[in-house]
Amino acid sequence: MTRSMRTEAAGARALAALPPKLQVRLAGGKVVVRDGQSLDPATQLTLAFIEKRGGGNVPGSLTVAQERSLLRRQAIIGGGLPDRVAAVRNLQIDGADGKIGARFYSSPELGGPHPLLVWYHGGGFVLGDLDSHDSVCRTLCLHSGVDVLAVDYRLAPEHPYPAGPNDARAAFEWAAANAADLGSDPTRLAVGGDSAGGNLAAVVAMDTARSLSRPPIAQLLFYPITDAVEKHESHSLFGTGFLLTSDLMDWFAEQYSGGRDPAGDPSDPRVSPLRAQDHSGLAPAIVITAGFDPLRDEGEAYASKLEAGGVDVIQRRFPDLIHGFINMPGVSRAARDALLETCGVFRSVVRR
């Protein structure tokens, strides 16, 4: 983290510590209420500052490289002080078409070997990397009692669909073959991710359920993309003003498609896990959604589909938070509390 980023992060933490009424006053003076939900004041203030600093730019106004840099900066600043784990090391692992990057986080808890979470970052299949979600992976590692393998899968537009899901599956297979060498428990592998990464985790859970001798034992899905066929009601309710916009989602889809319209068959389960004909036999799922998120309804619809298929599901909605809140524990106590609560739930599933 650069000196300017450290200064900005310290300022963000100071704002997060202000009384909620003062946060609302600084953000415009009125609590944001929509669909019967009230927005977290610290998140409201963060959104106001992002907009003021030009972080709510129109998709396409920046280059892809600039968009990636902006997300990385926002995520690192918003992530707060990183949690300490036993060790962190960068790796090269097998992707679908050659080596890809990865980062391994060792749990500091005694009594190993620990379960291994294979993690896929969010970013619309276009943005995000190992650094943007470093804080998230550290928190999951420390507070869930698991080792974490974060996967730097290939991104669009340089590598459009199906590079992402192909790399995601290859990375899980690599993890299954190498877990013991990493010091993790090879009998307890889970998949997880946020947004686009949640989509990839769901796809891997489906792809491997019947084709591998040891498929995932759990799937941890934060506000996953699950449906490219239908725009659910939450798209219109929260498609502007809450960081992830409808225009940005359309831009992501355009990049992911590589010029094809759309990226593959939108009803293909590898694009839209919600549209799979059979959800039976999948790993137990923890599905987390945010109240002020355009993806809220499709995430909750996916949880319902899994339950209908006989899958054990724990579904939580955090009604006062927005898409991307797991990258915001440094600017919102509510976001930090939600992430830690989810870590506890995930721990209970993978360590039972």
Protein backbone atom coordinates (compact mmCIF):
# COMPACT_ATOMS: atom_id res chain seq x y z
CA MET A 1 0.00 0.00 0.00
CA THR A 2 1.37 3.40 -0.99
CA ARG A 3 1.69 6.29 1.45
CA SER A 4 -1.25 8.10 -0.13
CA MET A 5 -3.38 4.96 0.10
CA ARG A 6 -2.44 4.51 3.77
CA THR A 7 -3.47 8.10 4.45
CA GLU A 8 -6.74 7.65 2.60
CA ALA A 9 -7.42 4.37 4.40
CA ALA A 10 -6.80 6.00 7.78
CA GLY A 11 -9.24 8.77 6.88
CA ALA A 12 -11.82 6.20 5.79
CA ARG A 13 -11.50 4.36 9.10
CA ALA A 14 -11.97 7.66 10.96
CA LEU A 15 -15.16 8.38 9.02
CA ALA A 16 -16.40 4.84 9.72
CA ALA A 17 -16.01 5.50 13.45
CA LEU A 18 -18.25 8.59 13.40
CA PRO A 19 -21.74 8.43 14.95
CA PRO A 20 -24.32 7.24 12.38
CA LYS A 21 -26.32 10.49 12.53
CA LEU A 22 -23.21 12.48 11.65
CA GLN A 23 -22.39 10.07 8.84
CA VAL A 24 -25.86 10.59 7.36
CA ARG A 25 -25.51 14.37 7.70
CA LEU A 26 -22.16 14.34 5.90
CA ALA A 27 -23.63 12.11 3.18
CA GLY A 28 -26.49 14.47 2.40
CA GLY A 29 -28.65 14.61 5.50
CA LYS A 30 -31.27 11.97 4.74
CA VAL A 31 -31.32 8.24 5.45
CA VAL A 32 -31.63 6.23 2.23
CA VAL A 33 -34.67 3.93 2.36
CA ARG A 34 -35.67 1.63 -0.48
CA ASP A 35 -37.78 -1.51 -0.65
CA GLY A 36 -38.40 -1.24 3.09
CA GLN A 37 -34.68 -1.25 3.89
CA SER A 38 -32.47 1.47 5.35
CA LEU A 39 -28.93 1.84 4.02
CA ASP A 40 -26.04 1.54 6.46
CA PRO A 41 -24.96 5.16 7.24
CA ALA A 42 -21.25 4.39 6.88
CA THR A 43 -21.89 2.83 3.48
CA GLN A 44 -23.99 5.84 2.48
CA LEU A 45 -21.10 8.13 3.41
CA THR A 46 -18.63 5.95 1.49
CA LEU A 47 -20.80 6.09 -1.63
CA ALA A 48 -21.01 9.87 -1.34
CA PHE A 49 -17.22 10.19 -1.15
CA ILE A 50 -16.69 7.77 -4.06
CA GLU A 51 -19.07 9.84 -6.18
CA LYS A 52 -17.38 13.08 -5.15
CA ARG A 53 -13.95 11.71 -6.10
CA GLY A 54 -15.17 10.51 -9.48
CA GLY A 55 -15.20 6.82 -8.59
CA GLY A 56 -18.72 6.39 -9.92
CA ASN A 57 -17.57 6.85 -13.50
CA VAL A 58 -19.58 5.91 -16.59
CA PRO A 59 -18.55 2.45 -17.90
CA GLY A 60 -16.27 2.82 -20.88
CA SER A 61 -14.96 6.23 -19.80
CA LEU A 62 -11.82 4.53 -18.49
CA THR A 63 -9.68 1.87 -20.10
CA VAL A 64 -9.93 -1.67 -18.77
CA ALA A 65 -6.51 -1.23 -17.16
CA GLN A 66 -7.69 1.97 -15.43
CA GLU A 67 -10.87 0.27 -14.23
CA ARG A 68 -8.79 -2.55 -12.76
CA SER A 69 -6.48 -0.12 -11.02
CA LEU A 70 -9.44 1.81 -9.60
CA LEU A 71 -11.12 -1.31 -8.21
CA ARG A 72 -7.85 -2.51 -6.71
CA ARG A 73 -7.29 0.84 -5.01
CA GLN A 74 -10.85 1.06 -3.67
CA ALA A 75 -10.75 -2.52 -2.40
CA ILE A 76 -7.41 -2.14 -0.65
CA ILE A 77 -8.48 1.12 1.02
CA GLY A 78 -11.91 -0.25 1.91
CA GLY A 79 -10.53 -3.52 3.22
CA GLY A 80 -9.11 -1.98 6.38
CA LEU A 81 -6.16 -3.29 8.33
CA PRO A 82 -5.32 -6.78 7.01
CA ASP A 83 -5.77 -9.73 9.36
CA ARG A 84 -2.65 -11.69 10.19
CA VAL A 85 -2.43 -15.32 9.12
CA ALA A 86 0.31 -17.91 9.58
CA ALA A 87 1.88 -17.48 6.15
CA VAL A 88 1.13 -16.19 2.66
CA ARG A 89 2.87 -17.29 -0.52
CA ASN A 90 2.34 -16.77 -4.22
CA LEU A 91 2.15 -19.80 -6.49
CA GLN A 92 1.83 -20.80 -10.11
CA ILE A 93 -0.81 -23.48 -10.59
CA ASP A 94 -2.40 -25.27 -13.52
CA GLY A 95 -5.10 -23.36 -15.37
CA ALA A 96 -7.08 -24.65 -18.31
CA ASP A 97 -4.51 -23.49 -20.89
CA GLY A 98 -1.28 -23.07 -18.96
CA LYS A 99 -0.10 -21.70 -15.66
CA ILE A 100 -2.08 -19.07 -13.74
CA GLY A 101 -1.29 -17.21 -10.55
CA ALA A 102 -2.58 -18.12 -7.11
CA ARG A 103 -1.99 -17.10 -3.50
CA PHE A 104 -2.04 -19.52 -0.58
CA TYR A 105 -2.98 -18.42 2.94
CA SER A 106 -2.15 -20.75 5.84
CA SER A 107 -4.46 -20.78 8.85
CA PRO A 108 -2.78 -19.82 12.15
CA GLU A 109 -5.00 -22.19 14.11
CA LEU A 110 -3.53 -25.25 15.78
CA GLY A 111 -4.84 -28.71 15.09
CA GLY A 112 -4.33 -28.92 11.34
CA PRO A 113 -4.51 -29.96 8.62
CA HIS A 114 -7.28 -27.48 7.94
CA PRO A 115 -10.00 -27.42 5.30
CA LEU A 116 -9.00 -25.66 2.08
CA LEU A 117 -11.18 -22.96 0.51
CA VAL A 118 -10.56 -22.41 -3.21
CA TRP A 119 -11.50 -18.76 -3.70
CA TYR A 120 -12.52 -16.91 -6.86
CA HIS A 121 -12.56 -13.10 -6.67
CA GLY A 122 -15.31 -10.87 -7.99
CA GLY A 123 -15.11 -8.10 -10.56
CA GLY A 124 -17.57 -8.92 -13.32
CA PHE A 125 -15.16 -11.40 -14.97
CA VAL A 126 -13.18 -8.31 -16.04
CA LEU A 127 -11.73 -6.71 -12.90
CA GLY A 128 -10.19 -7.94 -9.66
CA ASP A 129 -7.06 -9.88 -8.81
CA LEU A 130 -5.16 -11.40 -5.91
CA ASP A 131 -4.48 -7.98 -4.37
CA SER A 132 -8.04 -6.64 -4.60
CA HIS A 133 -9.28 -9.51 -2.44
CA ASP A 134 -6.23 -10.07 -0.26
CA SER A 135 -7.94 -8.61 2.81
CA VAL A 136 -11.03 -10.77 2.22
CA CYS A 137 -8.94 -13.94 1.96
CA ARG A 138 -7.03 -13.11 5.13
CA THR A 139 -10.27 -12.62 7.05
CA LEU A 140 -11.75 -15.86 5.74
CA CYS A 141 -8.55 -17.71 6.63
CA LEU A 142 -8.26 -16.31 10.15
CA HIS A 143 -11.89 -16.33 11.22
CA SER A 144 -13.16 -19.45 9.44
CA GLY A 145 -10.25 -21.65 10.46
CA VAL A 146 -9.43 -22.64 6.89
CA ASP A 147 -6.52 -22.40 4.49
CA VAL A 148 -7.34 -20.36 1.39
CA LEU A 149 -6.14 -20.74 -2.19
CA ALA A 150 -7.04 -17.57 -4.12
CA VAL A 151 -7.13 -18.09 -7.88
CA ASP A 152 -6.00 -15.45 -10.39
CA TYR A 153 -8.14 -16.80 -13.23
CA ARG A 154 -7.94 -15.21 -16.68
CA LEU A 155 -10.10 -12.14 -17.26
CA ALA A 156 -12.11 -10.70 -20.13
CA PRO A 157 -11.86 -8.99 -22.54
CA GLU A 158 -8.42 -10.50 -23.17
CA HIS A 159 -9.78 -13.93 -22.25
CA PRO A 160 -13.58 -14.00 -22.68
CA TYR A 161 -15.94 -16.82 -21.75
CA PRO A 162 -15.31 -19.73 -21.26
CA ALA A 163 -11.74 -19.01 -20.03
CA GLY A 164 -12.96 -18.07 -16.54
CA PRO A 165 -14.98 -21.20 -15.72
CA ASN A 166 -12.37 -23.39 -17.42
CA ASP A 167 -9.61 -21.94 -15.23
CA ALA A 168 -11.84 -22.17 -12.16
CA ARG A 169 -12.38 -25.90 -12.62
CA ALA A 170 -8.72 -26.54 -13.45
CA ALA A 171 -7.69 -24.67 -10.30
CA PHE A 172 -10.01 -26.77 -8.15
CA GLU A 173 -8.63 -29.96 -9.65
CA TRP A 174 -5.10 -28.71 -8.97
CA ALA A 175 -6.06 -27.93 -5.38
CA ALA A 176 -7.56 -31.40 -4.93
CA ALA A 177 -4.37 -33.02 -6.22
CA ASN A 178 -2.01 -30.80 -4.22
CA ALA A 179 -3.86 -30.03 -0.99
CA ALA A 180 -1.78 -32.42 1.09
CA ASP A 181 1.46 -30.92 -0.25
CA LEU A 182 0.17 -27.48 0.72
CA GLY A 183 -0.46 -28.77 4.24
CA SER A 184 -4.27 -28.71 3.91
CA ASP A 185 -6.79 -31.49 4.40
CA PRO A 186 -7.44 -33.06 0.96
CA THR A 187 -10.75 -34.52 2.16
CA ARG A 188 -12.21 -31.10 3.00
CA LEU A 189 -12.11 -28.79 0.00
CA ALA A 190 -14.65 -26.01 -0.47
CA VAL A 191 -15.24 -23.40 -3.16
CA GLY A 192 -16.19 -19.79 -2.68
CA GLY A 193 -16.33 -16.42 -4.32
CA ASP A 194 -18.10 -13.10 -4.59
CA SER A 195 -20.19 -11.80 -7.50
CA ALA A 196 -18.54 -13.15 -10.67
CA GLY A 197 -16.39 -15.31 -8.40
CA GLY A 198 -19.56 -16.61 -6.77
CA ASN A 199 -20.75 -17.59 -10.23
CA LEU A 200 -17.51 -19.48 -10.85
CA ALA A 201 -17.71 -21.22 -7.47
CA ALA A 202 -21.28 -22.32 -8.18
CA VAL A 203 -20.25 -23.56 -11.63
CA VAL A 204 -17.34 -25.56 -10.20
CA ALA A 205 -19.62 -27.07 -7.56
CA MET A 206 -22.00 -28.25 -10.32
CA ASP A 207 -19.29 -29.33 -12.77
CA THR A 208 -17.48 -31.50 -10.24
CA ALA A 209 -20.39 -32.90 -8.23
CA ARG A 210 -20.58 -36.09 -10.27
CA SER A 211 -17.29 -36.06 -12.17
CA LEU A 212 -14.74 -35.99 -9.35
CA SER A 213 -14.25 -38.51 -6.59
CA ARG A 214 -13.85 -35.65 -4.12
CA PRO A 215 -16.06 -32.71 -5.14
CA PRO A 216 -16.38 -29.66 -2.86
CA ILE A 217 -17.82 -30.25 0.58
CA ALA A 218 -19.27 -26.71 0.69
CA GLN A 219 -19.83 -23.63 -1.44
CA LEU A 220 -19.61 -20.11 -0.05
CA LEU A 221 -21.37 -17.67 -2.38
CA PHE A 222 -21.40 -13.93 -1.72
CA TYR A 223 -23.99 -12.13 -3.88
CA PRO A 224 -23.36 -14.48 -6.83
CA ILE A 225 -24.21 -13.82 -10.47
CA THR A 226 -26.58 -16.67 -11.27
CA ASP A 227 -28.86 -15.62 -14.14
CA ALA A 228 -28.00 -14.15 -17.55
CA VAL A 229 -31.50 -14.86 -18.88
CA GLU A 230 -33.68 -12.54 -16.78
CA LYS A 231 -33.14 -9.19 -15.09
CA HIS A 232 -34.79 -9.61 -11.72
CA GLU A 233 -36.67 -6.89 -9.84
CA SER A 234 -33.64 -5.91 -7.76
CA HIS A 235 -31.90 -4.84 -11.00
CA SER A 236 -34.38 -2.00 -11.39
CA LEU A 237 -34.64 -1.23 -7.67
CA PHE A 238 -30.90 -0.85 -7.11
CA GLY A 239 -29.47 -0.42 -10.61
CA THR A 240 -28.22 3.11 -9.92
CA GLY A 241 -26.58 4.77 -6.96
CA PHE A 242 -25.21 1.75 -5.12
CA LEU A 243 -21.78 1.17 -6.71
CA LEU A 244 -22.75 -1.75 -8.96
CA THR A 245 -24.98 -0.22 -11.64
CA SER A 246 -27.05 -1.65 -14.47
CA ASP A 247 -24.78 0.09 -16.98
CA LEU A 248 -21.70 -1.44 -15.37
CA MET A 249 -23.25 -4.91 -15.44
CA ASP A 250 -24.05 -4.48 -19.14
CA TRP A 251 -20.45 -3.41 -19.77
CA PHE A 252 -19.14 -6.46 -17.90
CA ALA A 253 -21.39 -8.73 -19.99
CA GLU A 254 -20.12 -7.14 -23.19
CA GLN A 255 -16.50 -7.72 -22.19
CA TYR A 256 -17.18 -11.27 -21.00
CA SER A 257 -18.86 -12.16 -24.28
CA GLY A 258 -15.82 -11.24 -26.33
CA GLY A 259 -18.03 -9.61 -28.94
CA ARG A 260 -20.55 -12.43 -29.00
CA ASP A 261 -24.07 -11.66 -27.87
CA PRO A 262 -24.33 -13.09 -25.32
CA ALA A 263 -21.39 -15.02 -23.84
CA GLY A 264 -22.46 -18.52 -24.82
CA ASP A 265 -26.04 -19.68 -24.35
CA PRO A 266 -27.45 -17.53 -21.51
CA SER A 267 -29.40 -20.51 -20.21
CA ASP A 268 -26.30 -22.73 -20.11
CA PRO A 269 -25.66 -23.60 -16.44
CA ARG A 270 -22.00 -22.59 -16.88
CA VAL A 271 -23.28 -19.07 -17.59
CA SER A 272 -26.44 -19.12 -15.47
CA PRO A 273 -26.29 -21.65 -12.62
CA LEU A 274 -29.88 -20.77 -11.76
CA ARG A 275 -31.01 -22.26 -15.08
CA ALA A 276 -29.59 -25.74 -14.48
CA GLN A 277 -32.21 -28.46 -14.78
CA ASP A 278 -30.90 -30.42 -11.81
CA HIS A 279 -29.47 -28.97 -8.60
CA SER A 280 -29.56 -32.19 -6.62
CA GLY A 281 -26.47 -33.72 -5.07
CA LEU A 282 -24.56 -30.44 -4.78
CA ALA A 283 -22.44 -29.38 -1.84
CA PRO A 284 -24.09 -27.56 1.07
CA ALA A 285 -24.28 -23.86 0.23
CA ILE A 286 -24.02 -20.61 2.12
CA VAL A 287 -25.61 -17.90 -0.01
CA ILE A 288 -25.09 -14.32 1.13
CA THR A 289 -26.94 -11.37 -0.36
CA ALA A 290 -27.05 -7.62 0.28
CA GLY A 291 -30.25 -5.61 0.50
CA PHE A 292 -29.13 -2.76 -1.79
CA ASP A 293 -27.69 -4.97 -4.52
CA PRO A 294 -28.95 -5.42 -8.10
CA LEU A 295 -27.92 -9.09 -7.81
CA ARG A 296 -29.92 -9.65 -4.62
CA ASP A 297 -32.93 -11.38 -6.13
CA GLU A 298 -31.07 -13.77 -8.43
CA GLY A 299 -28.83 -14.82 -5.55
CA GLU A 300 -31.83 -15.56 -3.38
CA ALA A 301 -33.56 -17.32 -6.27
CA TYR A 302 -30.52 -19.56 -6.57
CA ALA A 303 -30.66 -20.38 -2.86
CA SER A 304 -34.30 -21.38 -3.32
CA LYS A 305 -33.45 -23.55 -6.34
CA LEU A 306 -30.73 -25.33 -4.38
CA GLU A 307 -33.14 -25.97 -1.50
CA ALA A 308 -35.74 -27.32 -3.92
CA GLY A 309 -33.08 -29.71 -5.21
CA GLY A 310 -32.48 -31.07 -1.73
CA VAL A 311 -29.27 -29.15 -1.05
CA ASP A 312 -28.58 -27.95 2.49
CA VAL A 313 -28.65 -24.15 2.24
CA ILE A 314 -27.97 -21.35 4.70
CA GLN A 315 -29.17 -18.07 3.20
CA ARG A 316 -28.51 -14.67 4.77
CA ARG A 317 -29.52 -11.25 3.55
CA PHE A 318 -27.81 -8.24 5.08
CA PRO A 319 -30.51 -5.66 4.31
CA ASP A 320 -28.50 -2.49 4.98
CA LEU A 321 -25.47 -3.32 2.80
CA ILE A 322 -24.52 -3.04 -0.87
CA HIS A 323 -22.82 -5.20 -3.47
CA GLY A 324 -19.13 -5.52 -2.68
CA PHE A 325 -19.49 -5.15 1.08
CA ILE A 326 -16.89 -7.83 1.81
CA ASN A 327 -14.34 -5.36 0.40
CA MET A 328 -15.58 -2.64 2.78
CA PRO A 329 -14.88 -3.73 6.39
CA GLY A 330 -12.47 -0.82 6.80
CA VAL A 331 -15.16 1.76 6.03
CA SER A 332 -18.24 0.11 7.52
CA ARG A 333 -18.66 -1.66 10.85
CA ALA A 334 -21.81 -3.27 9.49
CA ALA A 335 -19.84 -4.72 6.58
CA ARG A 336 -17.16 -6.02 8.92
CA ASP A 337 -19.77 -7.58 11.22
CA ALA A 338 -21.52 -9.23 8.26
CA LEU A 339 -18.27 -10.71 6.97
CA LEU A 340 -17.31 -12.03 10.41
CA GLU A 341 -20.78 -13.50 10.96
CA THR A 342 -20.49 -15.31 7.64
CA CYS A 343 -17.04 -16.60 8.58
CA GLY A 344 -18.57 -18.15 11.68
CA VAL A 345 -21.31 -19.82 9.65
CA PHE A 346 -18.80 -21.11 7.12
CA ARG A 347 -16.60 -22.47 9.92
CA SER A 348 -19.53 -24.43 11.32
CA VAL A 349 -20.16 -26.03 7.93
CA VAL A 350 -16.63 -27.00 6.85
CA ARG A 351 -15.28 -28.01 10.27
CA ARG A 352 -18.19 -30.11 11.52
